[in-house]
Amino acid sequence: MTTLLVSDFKARCLAVLDRVHMDGETVLITRRGKPLAKVVPAAGTGAGRRVLGGLAGEACSKGDIVHAGFEGDWESLK
C-alpha cells in the first residue's frame, strides 16, 4: 500500500487514480500523518494488466499451416 500526503494526491490525482485502476494498488491519503482516506480499486472492474502468456494452451494447430495441400482444389493453379 502506498501512502501519499493529501497535497501530493491533490497535485497528481488523475495519475494516482489510473495507477489504482491499472495495478490494483491501494493508496492511503494522509493529512499531518493521520489517515484521511483510502483509495481502493472498484470491485468487479478488473481491467488490470495483461499477463504475458495468458492465452497459452488455448489454441492448437493441426497439420502444416503453410502448405495446406489445396493445390489440386484450385483450377487457377493448373
C-alpha atoms as a PDB file:
ATOM      1  CA  MET A   1       0.000   0.000   0.000  1.00  0.00           C
ATOM      2  CA  THR A   2       1.317   3.395  -0.995  1.00  0.00           C
ATOM      3  CA  THR A   3       0.952   6.384   1.333  1.00  0.00           C
ATOM      4  CA  LEU A   4       0.580   9.923  -0.044  1.00  0.00           C
ATOM      5  CA  LEU A   5       0.201  13.308   1.565  1.00  0.00           C
ATOM      6  CA  VAL A   6      -3.079  14.974   0.713  1.00  0.00           C
ATOM      7  CA  SER A   7      -1.197  17.760  -1.102  1.00  0.00           C
ATOM      8  CA  ASP A   8       0.617  15.193  -3.308  1.00  0.00           C
ATOM      9  CA  PHE A   9      -2.659  13.431  -4.031  1.00  0.00           C
ATOM     10  CA  LYS A  10      -4.266  16.742  -4.981  1.00  0.00           C
ATOM     11  CA  ALA A  11      -1.426  17.507  -7.394  1.00  0.00           C
ATOM     12  CA  ARG A  12      -1.413  14.062  -9.072  1.00  0.00           C
ATOM     13  CA  CYS A  13      -4.997  12.877  -8.564  1.00  0.00           C
ATOM     14  CA  LEU A  14      -5.669  11.510 -12.056  1.00  0.00           C
ATOM     15  CA  ALA A  15      -2.326   9.710 -12.260  1.00  0.00           C
ATOM     16  CA  VAL A  16      -2.924   8.112  -8.856  1.00  0.00           C
ATOM     17  CA  LEU A  17      -6.414   7.003  -9.851  1.00  0.00           C
ATOM     18  CA  ASP A  18      -5.069   5.490 -13.082  1.00  0.00           C
ATOM     19  CA  ARG A  19      -2.437   3.571 -11.120  1.00  0.00           C
ATOM     20  CA  VAL A  20      -5.069   2.270  -8.690  1.00  0.00           C
ATOM     21  CA  HIS A  21      -7.238   1.148 -11.594  1.00  0.00           C
ATOM     22  CA  MET A  22      -4.490  -0.480 -13.684  1.00  0.00           C
ATOM     23  CA  ASP A  23      -2.324  -2.046 -10.957  1.00  0.00           C
ATOM     24  CA  GLY A  24      -4.987  -2.712  -8.350  1.00  0.00           C
ATOM     25  CA  GLU A  25      -2.821  -0.863  -5.831  1.00  0.00           C
ATOM     26  CA  THR A  26      -4.377   0.675  -2.705  1.00  0.00           C
ATOM     27  CA  VAL A  27      -3.349   4.241  -1.815  1.00  0.00           C
ATOM     28  CA  LEU A  28      -3.659   5.714   1.675  1.00  0.00           C
ATOM     29  CA  ILE A  29      -4.006   9.506   1.788  1.00  0.00           C
ATOM     30  CA  THR A  30      -2.805  11.229   4.942  1.00  0.00           C
ATOM     31  CA  ARG A  31      -3.000  14.718   6.428  1.00  0.00           C
ATOM     32  CA  ARG A  32      -0.407  15.599   9.047  1.00  0.00           C
ATOM     33  CA  GLY A  33       0.460  11.924   9.472  1.00  0.00           C
ATOM     34  CA  LYS A  34      -3.097  10.763  10.149  1.00  0.00           C
ATOM     35  CA  PRO A  35      -5.054   8.637   7.653  1.00  0.00           C
ATOM     36  CA  LEU A  36      -7.646  10.693   5.816  1.00  0.00           C
ATOM     37  CA  ALA A  37      -8.870   8.401   3.047  1.00  0.00           C
ATOM     38  CA  LYS A  38      -8.071   5.147   1.308  1.00  0.00           C
ATOM     39  CA  VAL A  39      -8.384   4.764  -2.469  1.00  0.00           C
ATOM     40  CA  VAL A  40      -9.036   1.169  -3.496  1.00  0.00           C
ATOM     41  CA  PRO A  41      -9.876  -0.285  -6.906  1.00  0.00           C
ATOM     42  CA  ALA A  42     -13.579  -0.698  -7.591  1.00  0.00           C
ATOM     43  CA  ALA A  43     -14.766  -4.284  -7.248  1.00  0.00           C
ATOM     44  CA  GLY A  44     -15.575  -6.056 -10.475  1.00  0.00           C
ATOM     45  CA  THR A  45     -13.909  -3.597 -12.826  1.00  0.00           C
ATOM     46  CA  GLY A  46     -10.769  -5.749 -13.097  1.00  0.00           C
ATOM     47  CA  ALA A  47      -9.156  -4.112 -16.119  1.00  0.00           C
ATOM     48  CA  GLY A  48      -5.754  -4.847 -14.745  1.00  0.00           C
ATOM     49  CA  ARG A  49      -2.641  -5.547 -16.753  1.00  0.00           C
ATOM     50  CA  ARG A  50      -2.453  -8.239 -19.361  1.00  0.00           C
ATOM     51  CA  VAL A  51      -0.460 -11.280 -18.377  1.00  0.00           C
ATOM     52  CA  LEU A  52       2.198 -12.413 -20.814  1.00  0.00           C
ATOM     53  CA  GLY A  53       1.292 -15.931 -21.931  1.00  0.00           C
ATOM     54  CA  GLY A  54      -2.221 -15.671 -20.514  1.00  0.00           C
ATOM     55  CA  LEU A  55      -3.679 -17.485 -23.526  1.00  0.00           C
ATOM     56  CA  ALA A  56      -1.080 -20.261 -23.591  1.00  0.00           C
ATOM     57  CA  GLY A  57      -2.665 -23.585 -24.457  1.00  0.00           C
ATOM     58  CA  GLU A  58      -5.908 -22.040 -25.735  1.00  0.00           C
ATOM     59  CA  ALA A  59      -5.242 -22.757 -29.423  1.00  0.00           C
ATOM     60  CA  CYS A  60      -3.640 -25.553 -31.367  1.00  0.00           C
ATOM     61  CA  SER A  61      -2.602 -26.071 -34.982  1.00  0.00           C
ATOM     62  CA  LYS A  62      -3.079 -29.360 -36.751  1.00  0.00           C
ATOM     63  CA  GLY A  63      -1.014 -30.142 -39.795  1.00  0.00           C
ATOM     64  CA  ASP A  64       1.039 -27.818 -41.957  1.00  0.00           C
ATOM     65  CA  ILE A  65      -0.427 -24.316 -41.824  1.00  0.00           C
ATOM     66  CA  VAL A  66       1.863 -23.045 -44.626  1.00  0.00           C
ATOM     67  CA  HIS A  67       1.362 -25.781 -47.208  1.00  0.00           C
ATOM     68  CA  ALA A  68      -2.149 -26.988 -46.541  1.00  0.00           C
ATOM     69  CA  GLY A  69      -2.352 -29.276 -49.596  1.00  0.00           C
ATOM     70  CA  PHE A  70      -5.106 -27.477 -51.513  1.00  0.00           C
ATOM     71  CA  GLU A  71      -3.157 -27.388 -54.794  1.00  0.00           C
ATOM     72  CA  GLY A  72      -5.491 -29.870 -56.501  1.00  0.00           C
ATOM     73  CA  ASP A  73      -8.599 -27.957 -55.454  1.00  0.00           C
ATOM     74  CA  TRP A  74      -7.816 -24.736 -57.322  1.00  0.00           C
ATOM     75  CA  GLU A  75      -8.198 -24.573 -61.072  1.00  0.00           C
ATOM     76  CA  SER A  76      -6.075 -21.428 -61.345  1.00  0.00           C
ATOM     77  CA  LEU A  77      -3.013 -23.347 -60.146  1.00  0.00           C
ATOM     78  CA  LYS A  78      -3.200 -25.843 -63.068  1.00  0.00           C
END
